[in-house]
Amino acid sequence: GQTYGNFDQFKALLLGQKEKLARSLVEGVMSYGLGRVAEFSDGEDLAALTRQLIRDDLRAKSLIHNLVQSNVFQTK
């Protein structure tokens, strides 16, 4: 819905919706890591990983580490 003229404006728009961005990143990485689409039953893990990613300032290393340590990945 919003327009931007350069990368800095695009980045600002994304960071203005940090929760949506974080959830999308978690879903994508989780789907890739598990080799399947995230399901309804993964909701608690998705929410926990999203909250942690936001606390860790959207760091990819943190997301990957936390996903590998998560119950959903360990019981894959």
N, C-alpha and C. Protein backbone atom coordinates (compact mmCIF):
# COMPACT_ATOMS: atom_id res chain seq x y z
N GLY A 1 0.74 -1.19 0.00
CA GLY A 1 0.00 0.00 0.00
C GLY A 1 0.79 1.27 0.00
N GLN A 2 2.02 1.30 0.45
CA GLN A 2 2.77 2.55 0.51
C GLN A 2 3.86 2.57 -0.55
N THR A 3 4.19 3.75 -1.01
CA THR A 3 5.22 3.88 -2.04
C THR A 3 6.54 4.34 -1.40
N TYR A 4 7.61 4.08 -2.11
CA TYR A 4 8.92 4.50 -1.66
C TYR A 4 9.76 4.84 -2.88
N GLY A 5 10.76 5.69 -2.68
CA GLY A 5 11.59 6.15 -3.79
C GLY A 5 12.98 5.57 -3.81
N ASN A 6 13.44 5.04 -2.68
CA ASN A 6 14.79 4.48 -2.63
C ASN A 6 14.86 3.41 -1.54
N PHE A 7 16.01 2.80 -1.42
CA PHE A 7 16.16 1.69 -0.48
C PHE A 7 15.96 2.13 0.97
N ASP A 8 16.46 3.30 1.33
CA ASP A 8 16.32 3.77 2.71
C ASP A 8 14.85 3.95 3.08
N GLN A 9 14.05 4.44 2.17
CA GLN A 9 12.62 4.59 2.43
C GLN A 9 11.96 3.21 2.54
N PHE A 10 12.37 2.29 1.69
CA PHE A 10 11.85 0.92 1.74
C PHE A 10 12.17 0.28 3.09
N LYS A 11 13.41 0.43 3.53
CA LYS A 11 13.84 -0.13 4.81
C LYS A 11 13.03 0.48 5.96
N ALA A 12 12.80 1.77 5.92
CA ALA A 12 12.01 2.44 6.95
C ALA A 12 10.57 1.91 6.98
N LEU A 13 9.99 1.66 5.81
CA LEU A 13 8.64 1.10 5.74
C LEU A 13 8.59 -0.30 6.36
N LEU A 14 9.59 -1.11 6.05
CA LEU A 14 9.65 -2.46 6.62
C LEU A 14 9.79 -2.43 8.14
N LEU A 15 10.68 -1.59 8.62
CA LEU A 15 10.92 -1.52 10.05
C LEU A 15 9.75 -0.89 10.79
N GLY A 16 8.91 -0.16 10.09
CA GLY A 16 7.69 0.38 10.68
C GLY A 16 6.67 -0.71 10.96
N GLN A 17 6.86 -1.87 10.35
CA GLN A 17 5.98 -3.02 10.55
C GLN A 17 6.82 -4.20 11.04
N LYS A 18 7.57 -3.95 12.09
CA LYS A 18 8.57 -4.91 12.57
C LYS A 18 7.96 -6.28 12.90
N GLU A 19 6.78 -6.29 13.52
CA GLU A 19 6.17 -7.57 13.90
C GLU A 19 5.81 -8.40 12.66
N LYS A 20 5.22 -7.75 11.66
CA LYS A 20 4.87 -8.47 10.42
C LYS A 20 6.12 -8.98 9.73
N LEU A 21 7.14 -8.15 9.68
CA LEU A 21 8.40 -8.53 9.05
C LEU A 21 9.02 -9.72 9.78
N ALA A 22 9.07 -9.64 11.10
CA ALA A 22 9.66 -10.72 11.89
C ALA A 22 8.89 -12.02 11.70
N ARG A 23 7.56 -11.95 11.74
CA ARG A 23 6.74 -13.17 11.58
C ARG A 23 6.98 -13.79 10.20
N SER A 24 7.05 -12.96 9.19
CA SER A 24 7.29 -13.46 7.83
C SER A 24 8.66 -14.13 7.72
N LEU A 25 9.67 -13.53 8.32
CA LEU A 25 11.00 -14.13 8.30
C LEU A 25 11.01 -15.46 9.03
N VAL A 26 10.36 -15.51 10.20
CA VAL A 26 10.31 -16.75 10.97
C VAL A 26 9.59 -17.84 10.18
N GLU A 27 8.45 -17.51 9.59
CA GLU A 27 7.70 -18.50 8.81
C GLU A 27 8.54 -19.04 7.65
N GLY A 28 9.23 -18.15 6.95
CA GLY A 28 10.04 -18.58 5.81
C GLY A 28 11.19 -19.48 6.22
N VAL A 29 11.92 -19.07 7.25
CA VAL A 29 13.06 -19.86 7.70
C VAL A 29 12.59 -21.18 8.32
N MET A 30 11.48 -21.13 9.06
CA MET A 30 10.94 -22.35 9.66
C MET A 30 10.51 -23.33 8.57
N SER A 31 9.83 -22.86 7.56
CA SER A 31 9.39 -23.73 6.47
C SER A 31 10.58 -24.37 5.77
N TYR A 32 11.61 -23.57 5.52
CA TYR A 32 12.81 -24.10 4.88
C TYR A 32 13.50 -25.12 5.78
N GLY A 33 13.67 -24.78 7.05
CA GLY A 33 14.37 -25.65 7.98
C GLY A 33 13.65 -26.97 8.25
N LEU A 34 12.31 -26.91 8.28
CA LEU A 34 11.54 -28.11 8.55
C LEU A 34 11.24 -28.91 7.29
N GLY A 35 11.39 -28.28 6.14
CA GLY A 35 11.09 -28.95 4.88
C GLY A 35 9.60 -29.09 4.65
N ARG A 36 8.81 -28.22 5.29
CA ARG A 36 7.36 -28.24 5.13
C ARG A 36 6.81 -26.87 5.47
N VAL A 37 5.58 -26.64 5.09
CA VAL A 37 4.91 -25.37 5.38
C VAL A 37 4.55 -25.33 6.86
N ALA A 38 4.67 -24.16 7.47
CA ALA A 38 4.26 -24.00 8.86
C ALA A 38 2.76 -24.26 8.97
N GLU A 39 2.38 -25.00 10.00
CA GLU A 39 0.99 -25.39 10.19
C GLU A 39 0.38 -24.68 11.39
N PHE A 40 -0.93 -24.82 11.55
CA PHE A 40 -1.64 -24.22 12.67
C PHE A 40 -1.04 -24.67 14.00
N SER A 41 -0.67 -25.92 14.07
CA SER A 41 -0.11 -26.47 15.32
C SER A 41 1.25 -25.87 15.66
N ASP A 42 1.87 -25.19 14.73
CA ASP A 42 3.17 -24.54 14.96
C ASP A 42 3.01 -23.13 15.52
N GLY A 43 1.78 -22.71 15.76
CA GLY A 43 1.49 -21.33 16.15
C GLY A 43 2.25 -20.83 17.36
N GLU A 44 2.31 -21.64 18.42
CA GLU A 44 3.03 -21.21 19.63
C GLU A 44 4.52 -21.05 19.37
N ASP A 45 5.08 -21.98 18.62
CA ASP A 45 6.50 -21.88 18.28
C ASP A 45 6.77 -20.67 17.39
N LEU A 46 5.89 -20.42 16.42
CA LEU A 46 6.03 -19.25 15.56
C LEU A 46 6.00 -17.97 16.38
N ALA A 47 5.05 -17.88 17.29
CA ALA A 47 4.92 -16.68 18.12
C ALA A 47 6.15 -16.47 19.00
N ALA A 48 6.63 -17.56 19.62
CA ALA A 48 7.79 -17.46 20.50
C ALA A 48 9.04 -17.06 19.70
N LEU A 49 9.24 -17.67 18.55
CA LEU A 49 10.40 -17.33 17.72
C LEU A 49 10.30 -15.90 17.20
N THR A 50 9.10 -15.44 16.89
CA THR A 50 8.90 -14.07 16.42
C THR A 50 9.24 -13.08 17.53
N ARG A 51 8.74 -13.33 18.74
CA ARG A 51 9.05 -12.43 19.88
C ARG A 51 10.56 -12.39 20.12
N GLN A 52 11.20 -13.55 20.07
CA GLN A 52 12.65 -13.60 20.31
C GLN A 52 13.42 -12.87 19.21
N LEU A 53 12.98 -13.01 17.97
CA LEU A 53 13.64 -12.33 16.86
C LEU A 53 13.54 -10.82 17.03
N ILE A 54 12.39 -10.33 17.46
CA ILE A 54 12.23 -8.89 17.68
C ILE A 54 13.15 -8.43 18.82
N ARG A 55 13.19 -9.21 19.91
CA ARG A 55 14.09 -8.86 21.03
C ARG A 55 15.55 -8.84 20.60
N ASP A 56 15.90 -9.72 19.65
CA ASP A 56 17.28 -9.80 19.17
C ASP A 56 17.55 -8.88 17.99
N ASP A 57 16.65 -7.91 17.78
CA ASP A 57 16.84 -6.88 16.76
C ASP A 57 16.92 -7.44 15.34
N LEU A 58 16.11 -8.46 15.06
CA LEU A 58 15.99 -9.07 13.73
C LEU A 58 17.29 -9.65 13.20
N ARG A 59 18.11 -10.20 14.07
CA ARG A 59 19.38 -10.78 13.64
C ARG A 59 19.18 -12.19 13.11
N ALA A 60 19.64 -12.44 11.90
CA ALA A 60 19.46 -13.74 11.25
C ALA A 60 20.13 -14.86 12.04
N LYS A 61 21.31 -14.61 12.56
CA LYS A 61 22.03 -15.62 13.35
C LYS A 61 21.18 -16.06 14.54
N SER A 62 20.56 -15.11 15.18
CA SER A 62 19.70 -15.40 16.33
C SER A 62 18.50 -16.25 15.91
N LEU A 63 17.89 -15.90 14.79
CA LEU A 63 16.73 -16.65 14.31
C LEU A 63 17.10 -18.11 14.03
N ILE A 64 18.19 -18.32 13.35
CA ILE A 64 18.61 -19.68 13.01
C ILE A 64 18.95 -20.46 14.28
N HIS A 65 19.68 -19.85 15.18
CA HIS A 65 20.04 -20.51 16.44
C HIS A 65 18.79 -20.89 17.23
N ASN A 66 17.86 -19.94 17.38
CA ASN A 66 16.65 -20.20 18.15
C ASN A 66 15.76 -21.24 17.49
N LEU A 67 15.70 -21.24 16.17
CA LEU A 67 14.90 -22.24 15.47
C LEU A 67 15.47 -23.64 15.70
N VAL A 68 16.78 -23.78 15.56
CA VAL A 68 17.41 -25.09 15.75
C VAL A 68 17.22 -25.58 17.19
N GLN A 69 17.18 -24.68 18.14
CA GLN A 69 16.99 -25.04 19.55
C GLN A 69 15.52 -25.27 19.91
N SER A 70 14.60 -24.92 19.03
CA SER A 70 13.17 -24.99 19.33
C SER A 70 12.65 -26.42 19.34
N ASN A 71 11.55 -26.60 20.04
CA ASN A 71 10.90 -27.91 20.13
C ASN A 71 10.43 -28.38 18.75
N VAL A 72 9.88 -27.48 17.97
CA VAL A 72 9.35 -27.87 16.65
C VAL A 72 10.46 -28.43 15.75
N PHE A 73 11.66 -27.88 15.86
CA PHE A 73 12.77 -28.36 15.04
C PHE A 73 13.37 -29.63 15.64
N GLN A 74 13.50 -29.68 16.95
CA GLN A 74 14.10 -30.83 17.61
C GLN A 74 13.28 -32.10 17.44
N THR A 75 11.95 -31.96 17.28
CA THR A 75 11.08 -33.12 17.15
C THR A 75 10.65 -33.34 15.71
N LYS A 76 11.33 -32.71 14.80
CA LYS A 76 11.03 -32.77 13.37
C LYS A 76 11.05 -34.19 12.86
